[in-house]
C-alpha cells in the first residue's frame, strides 16, 4: 500500500494492512485486518465476521462516508435534477436524459444490483459537453434506484436525534481508540509478518486497550455507561 510517513512528503509503496475496529460502550468489540486499501470492500465481511464471533447483530451501525459504494453519486445527484413522476433527469443545459434500459451488474463481493441507464436526448453543440462527459455521443447516466432509496433512508437516519448521538459517539469511541493505540501506546508499525500473525498482534493490542478502558471506567464509576450524551449548544 502507499504509505505516507510524517517526515516524508511523498507516499511510498510499503507492506501494510487496512485495520478495521468496531467500538461499543468505549470498548473495542471487534478488530480485523484487510489487504484492500479501500474501506468500501471491508465493511460487509467485517460485519459478517463480527456477527459470527459475537453471536449477535447490532440494530444499527455508524460508519463514515468512506464505506459507501457507488462513488461519484453525490456529484451526479447534486448537479442534475430528477423528475420522479416522468423518470427523467435534466442536465445543466436543460436537456432531458431518458431511461434506455436496465442492466444487472455484480460488485467485487458478488452482490448483484440493477442499474438504470439514462441517455441525453441530444448533446450536439452543447457548450457544457466537454466538462460534462467524455463520451463521443450523448451523455449517459448509470443509476441504481435501490441504492438511492437506501442512501436517502440512511441520510434521514443520521439527521435524526439518535443519528446525531451515534455519529458523535463514533467519532469519540472509534477514532479515539485509534488515537490511543497510535499515540498513547506508540503503536505505529506491526512487528510480525503475515496476515494471521498481524491479526493476532492487533487483537492482543485491542485486548490490552479494553483492560485499561475497564479499569478507567471502574475508577470513574462509569461501567454502566454506553454512549456519551450530546451536549446542548449555548
C-alpha atoms as a PDB file:
ATOM      1  CA  UNK A   1       0.000   0.000   0.000  1.00  0.00           C
ATOM      2  CA  UNK A   2       1.008   3.625  -0.364  1.00  0.00           C
ATOM      3  CA  UNK A   3       2.251   4.846   2.998  1.00  0.00           C
ATOM      4  CA  UNK A   4       2.895   8.449   3.929  1.00  0.00           C
ATOM      5  CA  UNK A   5       5.208   8.996   6.872  1.00  0.00           C
ATOM      6  CA  UNK A   6       5.037  12.254   8.816  1.00  0.00           C
ATOM      7  CA  UNK A   7       8.614  13.158   7.939  1.00  0.00           C
ATOM      8  CA  UNK A   8       8.213  12.461   4.233  1.00  0.00           C
ATOM      9  CA  UNK A   9       6.179  14.306   1.667  1.00  0.00           C
ATOM     10  CA  UNK A  10       5.869  11.594  -0.953  1.00  0.00           C
ATOM     11  CA  UNK A  11       3.895   8.414  -0.401  1.00  0.00           C
ATOM     12  CA  UNK A  12       5.874   5.190  -0.611  1.00  0.00           C
ATOM     13  CA  UNK A  13       4.786   1.683  -1.519  1.00  0.00           C
ATOM     14  CA  UNK A  14       5.267  -0.478   1.581  1.00  0.00           C
ATOM     15  CA  UNK A  15       3.828  -3.694   3.055  1.00  0.00           C
ATOM     16  CA  UNK A  16       0.731  -2.776   5.017  1.00  0.00           C
ATOM     17  CA  UNK A  17      -2.789  -3.700   6.081  1.00  0.00           C
ATOM     18  CA  UNK A  18      -6.096  -1.905   6.404  1.00  0.00           C
ATOM     19  CA  UNK A  19      -7.016  -2.209  10.096  1.00  0.00           C
ATOM     20  CA  UNK A  20     -10.720  -2.125  10.987  1.00  0.00           C
ATOM     21  CA  UNK A  21     -12.137  -1.893  14.519  1.00  0.00           C
ATOM     22  CA  UNK A  22     -15.657  -1.669  15.952  1.00  0.00           C
ATOM     23  CA  UNK A  23     -16.358   0.065  19.259  1.00  0.00           C
ATOM     24  CA  UNK A  24     -19.261  -0.324  21.659  1.00  0.00           C
ATOM     25  CA  UNK A  25     -19.554   1.347  25.069  1.00  0.00           C
ATOM     26  CA  UNK A  26     -15.966   2.599  24.567  1.00  0.00           C
ATOM     27  CA  UNK A  27     -14.593  -0.951  24.237  1.00  0.00           C
ATOM     28  CA  UNK A  28     -13.163  -2.445  21.058  1.00  0.00           C
ATOM     29  CA  UNK A  29     -15.587  -5.310  20.356  1.00  0.00           C
ATOM     30  CA  UNK A  30     -14.135  -6.439  17.038  1.00  0.00           C
ATOM     31  CA  UNK A  31     -10.946  -5.972  15.044  1.00  0.00           C
ATOM     32  CA  UNK A  32      -9.715  -7.346  11.744  1.00  0.00           C
ATOM     33  CA  UNK A  33      -7.191  -6.614   9.024  1.00  0.00           C
ATOM     34  CA  UNK A  34      -7.668  -6.451   5.263  1.00  0.00           C
ATOM     35  CA  UNK A  35      -5.458  -6.212   2.215  1.00  0.00           C
ATOM     36  CA  UNK A  36      -7.949  -3.922   0.470  1.00  0.00           C
ATOM     37  CA  UNK A  37      -6.872  -0.302   0.840  1.00  0.00           C
ATOM     38  CA  UNK A  38     -10.429   0.880   0.087  1.00  0.00           C
ATOM     39  CA  UNK A  39     -12.768   0.742   3.105  1.00  0.00           C
ATOM     40  CA  UNK A  40     -15.723   0.032   0.785  1.00  0.00           C
ATOM     41  CA  UNK A  41     -14.693  -3.612   0.425  1.00  0.00           C
ATOM     42  CA  UNK A  42     -14.037  -4.191   4.121  1.00  0.00           C
ATOM     43  CA  UNK A  43     -17.380  -3.244   5.658  1.00  0.00           C
ATOM     44  CA  UNK A  44     -19.569  -6.256   4.799  1.00  0.00           C
ATOM     45  CA  UNK A  45     -17.000  -9.019   5.509  1.00  0.00           C
ATOM     46  CA  UNK A  46     -16.021  -7.225   8.718  1.00  0.00           C
ATOM     47  CA  UNK A  47     -19.643  -7.048   9.917  1.00  0.00           C
ATOM     48  CA  UNK A  48     -20.293 -10.686   8.970  1.00  0.00           C
ATOM     49  CA  UNK A  49     -17.239 -11.886  10.900  1.00  0.00           C
ATOM     50  CA  UNK A  50     -18.217  -9.767  13.890  1.00  0.00           C
ATOM     51  CA  UNK A  51     -21.733 -11.234  13.942  1.00  0.00           C
ATOM     52  CA  UNK A  52     -20.342 -14.791  13.731  1.00  0.00           C
ATOM     53  CA  UNK A  53     -17.869 -14.230  16.552  1.00  0.00           C
ATOM     54  CA  UNK A  54     -20.176 -12.263  18.853  1.00  0.00           C
ATOM     55  CA  UNK A  55     -23.328 -14.213  18.093  1.00  0.00           C
ATOM     56  CA  UNK A  56     -25.424 -11.076  17.741  1.00  0.00           C
ATOM     57  CA  UNK A  57     -26.348  -8.381  15.252  1.00  0.00           C
ATOM     58  CA  UNK A  58     -26.369  -4.736  16.262  1.00  0.00           C
ATOM     59  CA  UNK A  59     -29.604  -2.865  15.417  1.00  0.00           C
ATOM     60  CA  UNK A  60     -27.596  -0.003  13.924  1.00  0.00           C
ATOM     61  CA  UNK A  61     -24.078   0.620  12.664  1.00  0.00           C
ATOM     62  CA  UNK A  62     -22.436   4.013  12.282  1.00  0.00           C
ATOM     63  CA  UNK A  63     -19.613   4.430   9.748  1.00  0.00           C
ATOM     64  CA  UNK A  64     -18.172   7.337   7.806  1.00  0.00           C
ATOM     65  CA  UNK A  65     -18.736   8.085   4.124  1.00  0.00           C
ATOM     66  CA  UNK A  66     -15.593   6.219   3.083  1.00  0.00           C
ATOM     67  CA  UNK A  67     -17.507   2.961   3.393  1.00  0.00           C
ATOM     68  CA  UNK A  68     -20.221   3.939   0.933  1.00  0.00           C
ATOM     69  CA  UNK A  69     -20.240   2.375  -2.516  1.00  0.00           C
ATOM     70  CA  UNK A  70     -21.037   3.963  -5.876  1.00  0.00           C
ATOM     71  CA  UNK A  71     -18.628   6.837  -5.503  1.00  0.00           C
ATOM     72  CA  UNK A  72     -19.462   9.909  -7.516  1.00  0.00           C
ATOM     73  CA  UNK A  73     -23.189   9.543  -6.894  1.00  0.00           C
ATOM     74  CA  UNK A  74     -23.293  12.719  -4.809  1.00  0.00           C
ATOM     75  CA  UNK A  75     -21.879  14.793  -7.675  1.00  0.00           C
ATOM     76  CA  UNK A  76     -24.444  13.466 -10.165  1.00  0.00           C
ATOM     77  CA  UNK A  77     -27.344  13.903  -7.754  1.00  0.00           C
ATOM     78  CA  UNK A  78     -26.457  17.466  -6.865  1.00  0.00           C
ATOM     79  CA  UNK A  79     -25.821  18.699 -10.392  1.00  0.00           C
ATOM     80  CA  UNK A  80     -28.621  17.009 -12.343  1.00  0.00           C
ATOM     81  CA  UNK A  81     -32.287  17.448 -11.498  1.00  0.00           C
ATOM     82  CA  UNK A  82     -34.601  14.433 -11.341  1.00  0.00           C
ATOM     83  CA  UNK A  83     -38.315  14.223 -12.143  1.00  0.00           C
ATOM     84  CA  UNK A  84     -39.609  11.189 -10.263  1.00  0.00           C
ATOM     85  CA  UNK A  85     -43.008  11.157 -11.990  1.00  0.00           C
ATOM     86  CA  UNK A  86     -41.561  11.246 -15.524  1.00  0.00           C
ATOM     87  CA  UNK A  87     -38.466   9.248 -14.524  1.00  0.00           C
ATOM     88  CA  UNK A  88     -36.159  11.656 -16.327  1.00  0.00           C
ATOM     89  CA  UNK A  89     -33.112  13.728 -15.426  1.00  0.00           C
ATOM     90  CA  UNK A  90     -32.435  17.244 -16.664  1.00  0.00           C
ATOM     91  CA  UNK A  91     -28.866  18.335 -17.366  1.00  0.00           C
ATOM     92  CA  UNK A  92     -27.317  21.785 -16.902  1.00  0.00           C
ATOM     93  CA  UNK A  93     -28.187  22.691 -20.494  1.00  0.00           C
ATOM     94  CA  UNK A  94     -31.865  21.872 -19.933  1.00  0.00           C
ATOM     95  CA  UNK A  95     -31.841  18.657 -21.981  1.00  0.00           C
ATOM     96  CA  UNK A  96     -33.685  15.548 -20.770  1.00  0.00           C
ATOM     97  CA  UNK A  97     -31.957  12.262 -20.020  1.00  0.00           C
ATOM     98  CA  UNK A  98     -34.404   9.438 -20.757  1.00  0.00           C
ATOM     99  CA  UNK A  99     -34.275   5.830 -19.463  1.00  0.00           C
ATOM    100  CA  UNK A 100     -32.920   3.450 -22.114  1.00  0.00           C
ATOM    101  CA  UNK A 101     -32.624   0.049 -20.449  1.00  0.00           C
ATOM    102  CA  UNK A 102     -31.900  -1.734 -17.183  1.00  0.00           C
ATOM    103  CA  UNK A 103     -28.786  -3.819 -16.742  1.00  0.00           C
ATOM    104  CA  UNK A 104     -27.544  -6.055 -13.945  1.00  0.00           C
ATOM    105  CA  UNK A 105     -24.071  -5.768 -12.531  1.00  0.00           C
ATOM    106  CA  UNK A 106     -22.040  -7.509  -9.859  1.00  0.00           C
ATOM    107  CA  UNK A 107     -19.745  -5.847  -7.364  1.00  0.00           C
ATOM    108  CA  UNK A 108     -16.364  -7.194  -6.289  1.00  0.00           C
ATOM    109  CA  UNK A 109     -18.044  -9.062  -3.437  1.00  0.00           C
ATOM    110  CA  UNK A 110     -20.556 -10.706  -5.800  1.00  0.00           C
ATOM    111  CA  UNK A 111     -23.536  -8.537  -4.827  1.00  0.00           C
ATOM    112  CA  UNK A 112     -25.912  -8.145  -7.790  1.00  0.00           C
ATOM    113  CA  UNK A 113     -27.741  -4.878  -8.419  1.00  0.00           C
ATOM    114  CA  UNK A 114     -29.909  -3.329 -11.126  1.00  0.00           C
ATOM    115  CA  UNK A 115     -28.766  -0.152 -12.833  1.00  0.00           C
ATOM    116  CA  UNK A 116     -30.995   2.019 -14.999  1.00  0.00           C
ATOM    117  CA  UNK A 117     -29.153   3.591 -17.929  1.00  0.00           C
ATOM    118  CA  UNK A 118     -30.287   7.083 -18.965  1.00  0.00           C
ATOM    119  CA  UNK A 119     -29.175   8.926 -22.111  1.00  0.00           C
ATOM    120  CA  UNK A 120     -29.413  12.593 -23.024  1.00  0.00           C
ATOM    121  CA  UNK A 121     -31.764  13.349 -25.901  1.00  0.00           C
ATOM    122  CA  UNK A 122     -29.132  15.338 -27.820  1.00  0.00           C
ATOM    123  CA  UNK A 123     -25.682  16.581 -26.740  1.00  0.00           C
ATOM    124  CA  UNK A 124     -24.703  18.016 -30.152  1.00  0.00           C
ATOM    125  CA  UNK A 125     -23.499  21.592 -29.936  1.00  0.00           C
ATOM    126  CA  UNK A 126     -23.791  21.679 -26.142  1.00  0.00           C
ATOM    127  CA  UNK A 127     -21.343  24.219 -24.614  1.00  0.00           C
ATOM    128  CA  UNK A 128     -21.041  22.085 -21.448  1.00  0.00           C
ATOM    129  CA  UNK A 129     -20.322  18.741 -23.125  1.00  0.00           C
ATOM    130  CA  UNK A 130     -16.535  18.893 -22.761  1.00  0.00           C
ATOM    131  CA  UNK A 131     -16.825  19.215 -18.986  1.00  0.00           C
ATOM    132  CA  UNK A 132     -19.928  17.036 -18.674  1.00  0.00           C
ATOM    133  CA  UNK A 133     -18.875  13.809 -20.436  1.00  0.00           C
ATOM    134  CA  UNK A 134     -16.017  12.157 -22.276  1.00  0.00           C
ATOM    135  CA  UNK A 135     -18.395  10.155 -24.467  1.00  0.00           C
ATOM    136  CA  UNK A 136     -18.299  10.807 -28.212  1.00  0.00           C
ATOM    137  CA  UNK A 137     -22.076  10.557 -28.415  1.00  0.00           C
ATOM    138  CA  UNK A 138     -24.735  11.588 -25.924  1.00  0.00           C
ATOM    139  CA  UNK A 139     -24.126  11.634 -22.163  1.00  0.00           C
ATOM    140  CA  UNK A 140     -25.271   8.594 -20.205  1.00  0.00           C
ATOM    141  CA  UNK A 141     -26.100   8.159 -16.530  1.00  0.00           C
ATOM    142  CA  UNK A 142     -25.962   4.848 -14.667  1.00  0.00           C
ATOM    143  CA  UNK A 143     -28.321   4.954 -11.683  1.00  0.00           C
ATOM    144  CA  UNK A 144     -29.074   2.287  -9.077  1.00  0.00           C
ATOM    145  CA  UNK A 145     -32.529   3.238  -7.784  1.00  0.00           C
ATOM    146  CA  UNK A 146     -32.333   0.771  -4.908  1.00  0.00           C
ATOM    147  CA  UNK A 147     -29.088   2.393  -3.797  1.00  0.00           C
ATOM    148  CA  UNK A 148     -30.658   5.855  -3.926  1.00  0.00           C
ATOM    149  CA  UNK A 149     -33.563   4.728  -1.755  1.00  0.00           C
ATOM    150  CA  UNK A 150     -31.242   3.184   0.831  1.00  0.00           C
ATOM    151  CA  UNK A 151     -28.981   6.223   0.741  1.00  0.00           C
ATOM    152  CA  UNK A 152     -31.919   8.548   1.377  1.00  0.00           C
ATOM    153  CA  UNK A 153     -33.053   6.400   4.293  1.00  0.00           C
ATOM    154  CA  UNK A 154     -29.527   6.458   5.723  1.00  0.00           C
ATOM    155  CA  UNK A 155     -29.353  10.237   5.258  1.00  0.00           C
ATOM    156  CA  UNK A 156     -32.600  10.699   7.202  1.00  0.00           C
ATOM    157  CA  UNK A 157     -31.311   8.389   9.941  1.00  0.00           C
ATOM    158  CA  UNK A 158     -28.090  10.315  10.516  1.00  0.00           C
ATOM    159  CA  UNK A 159     -30.012  13.596  10.778  1.00  0.00           C
ATOM    160  CA  UNK A 160     -32.312  12.242  13.488  1.00  0.00           C
ATOM    161  CA  UNK A 161     -31.675  12.824  17.188  1.00  0.00           C
ATOM    162  CA  UNK A 162     -30.423   9.258  17.589  1.00  0.00           C
ATOM    163  CA  UNK A 163     -28.311   9.555  14.444  1.00  0.00           C
ATOM    164  CA  UNK A 164     -26.588  12.671  15.750  1.00  0.00           C
ATOM    165  CA  UNK A 165     -25.755  10.867  19.001  1.00  0.00           C
ATOM    166  CA  UNK A 166     -24.399   7.840  17.121  1.00  0.00           C
ATOM    167  CA  UNK A 167     -22.260   9.987  14.820  1.00  0.00           C
ATOM    168  CA  UNK A 168     -20.790  11.873  17.753  1.00  0.00           C
ATOM    169  CA  UNK A 169     -20.052   8.652  19.621  1.00  0.00           C
ATOM    170  CA  UNK A 170     -18.463   7.073  16.555  1.00  0.00           C
ATOM    171  CA  UNK A 171     -16.040   9.974  16.406  1.00  0.00           C
ATOM    172  CA  UNK A 172     -15.246   9.722  20.117  1.00  0.00           C
ATOM    173  CA  UNK A 173     -15.109   5.952  20.506  1.00  0.00           C
ATOM    174  CA  UNK A 174     -13.669   4.620  17.235  1.00  0.00           C
ATOM    175  CA  UNK A 175     -11.351   7.468  16.293  1.00  0.00           C
ATOM    176  CA  UNK A 176     -10.480   7.836  19.970  1.00  0.00           C
ATOM    177  CA  UNK A 177      -9.459   4.176  20.188  1.00  0.00           C
ATOM    178  CA  UNK A 178      -7.231   4.510  17.127  1.00  0.00           C
ATOM    179  CA  UNK A 179      -5.716   7.643  18.661  1.00  0.00           C
ATOM    180  CA  UNK A 180      -4.860   5.831  21.889  1.00  0.00           C
ATOM    181  CA  UNK A 181      -3.350   2.850  20.046  1.00  0.00           C
ATOM    182  CA  UNK A 182      -1.206   5.019  17.792  1.00  0.00           C
ATOM    183  CA  UNK A 183      -0.276   7.951  20.003  1.00  0.00           C
ATOM    184  CA  UNK A 184      -0.559   6.855  23.646  1.00  0.00           C
ATOM    185  CA  UNK A 185       0.663   3.290  23.059  1.00  0.00           C
ATOM    186  CA  UNK A 186       3.091   4.371  20.329  1.00  0.00           C
ATOM    187  CA  UNK A 187       1.917   1.574  18.017  1.00  0.00           C
ATOM    188  CA  UNK A 188       2.920   2.776  14.545  1.00  0.00           C
ATOM    189  CA  UNK A 189       4.105  -0.425  12.889  1.00  0.00           C
ATOM    190  CA  UNK A 190       3.356  -4.158  13.084  1.00  0.00           C
ATOM    191  CA  UNK A 191       6.226  -6.248  14.416  1.00  0.00           C
ATOM    192  CA  UNK A 192       5.084  -9.509  12.805  1.00  0.00           C
ATOM    193  CA  UNK A 193       4.589 -10.540   9.183  1.00  0.00           C
ATOM    194  CA  UNK A 194       1.762 -12.452   7.523  1.00  0.00           C
ATOM    195  CA  UNK A 195      -1.947 -11.823   7.791  1.00  0.00           C
ATOM    196  CA  UNK A 196      -2.614 -14.380  10.561  1.00  0.00           C
ATOM    197  CA  UNK A 197       0.205 -13.105  12.780  1.00  0.00           C
ATOM    198  CA  UNK A 198      -0.657  -9.474  12.151  1.00  0.00           C
ATOM    199  CA  UNK A 199      -4.297 -10.132  13.065  1.00  0.00           C
ATOM    200  CA  UNK A 200      -3.167 -11.809  16.304  1.00  0.00           C
ATOM    201  CA  UNK A 201      -0.998  -8.780  17.074  1.00  0.00           C
ATOM    202  CA  UNK A 202      -3.831  -6.257  16.658  1.00  0.00           C
ATOM    203  CA  UNK A 203      -6.205  -8.451  18.708  1.00  0.00           C
ATOM    204  CA  UNK A 204      -3.732  -8.604  21.607  1.00  0.00           C
ATOM    205  CA  UNK A 205      -3.311  -4.847  21.396  1.00  0.00           C
ATOM    206  CA  UNK A 206      -7.094  -4.359  21.497  1.00  0.00           C
ATOM    207  CA  UNK A 207      -7.324  -6.705  24.490  1.00  0.00           C
ATOM    208  CA  UNK A 208      -4.841  -4.535  26.369  1.00  0.00           C
ATOM    209  CA  UNK A 209      -6.821  -1.445  25.381  1.00  0.00           C
ATOM    210  CA  UNK A 210     -10.042  -2.949  26.747  1.00  0.00           C
ATOM    211  CA  UNK A 211      -8.406  -3.886  30.068  1.00  0.00           C
ATOM    212  CA  UNK A 212      -7.203  -0.307  30.502  1.00  0.00           C
ATOM    213  CA  UNK A 213     -10.631   1.010  29.483  1.00  0.00           C
ATOM    214  CA  UNK A 214     -12.371  -1.237  32.016  1.00  0.00           C
ATOM    215  CA  UNK A 215     -10.029  -0.051  34.766  1.00  0.00           C
ATOM    216  CA  UNK A 216     -10.680   3.567  33.827  1.00  0.00           C
ATOM    217  CA  UNK A 217     -14.464   3.123  33.847  1.00  0.00           C
ATOM    218  CA  UNK A 218     -14.365   1.330  37.200  1.00  0.00           C
ATOM    219  CA  UNK A 219     -12.338   4.145  38.742  1.00  0.00           C
ATOM    220  CA  UNK A 220     -14.757   6.758  37.392  1.00  0.00           C
ATOM    221  CA  UNK A 221     -17.847   4.651  38.190  1.00  0.00           C
ATOM    222  CA  UNK A 222     -18.919   4.608  34.541  1.00  0.00           C
ATOM    223  CA  UNK A 223     -19.200   0.858  33.933  1.00  0.00           C
ATOM    224  CA  UNK A 224     -22.906   1.171  33.119  1.00  0.00           C
ATOM    225  CA  UNK A 225     -22.474   3.897  30.511  1.00  0.00           C
ATOM    226  CA  UNK A 226     -22.559   3.117  26.794  1.00  0.00           C
ATOM    227  CA  UNK A 227     -22.951   6.373  24.866  1.00  0.00           C
ATOM    228  CA  UNK A 228     -21.819   9.916  25.545  1.00  0.00           C
ATOM    229  CA  UNK A 229     -24.714  12.382  25.608  1.00  0.00           C
ATOM    230  CA  UNK A 230     -24.912  15.158  23.054  1.00  0.00           C
ATOM    231  CA  UNK A 231     -24.111  18.442  24.717  1.00  0.00           C
ATOM    232  CA  UNK A 232     -26.616  21.260  24.203  1.00  0.00           C
ATOM    233  CA  UNK A 233     -25.484  24.423  22.442  1.00  0.00           C
ATOM    234  CA  UNK A 234     -25.173  27.626  24.437  1.00  0.00           C
END
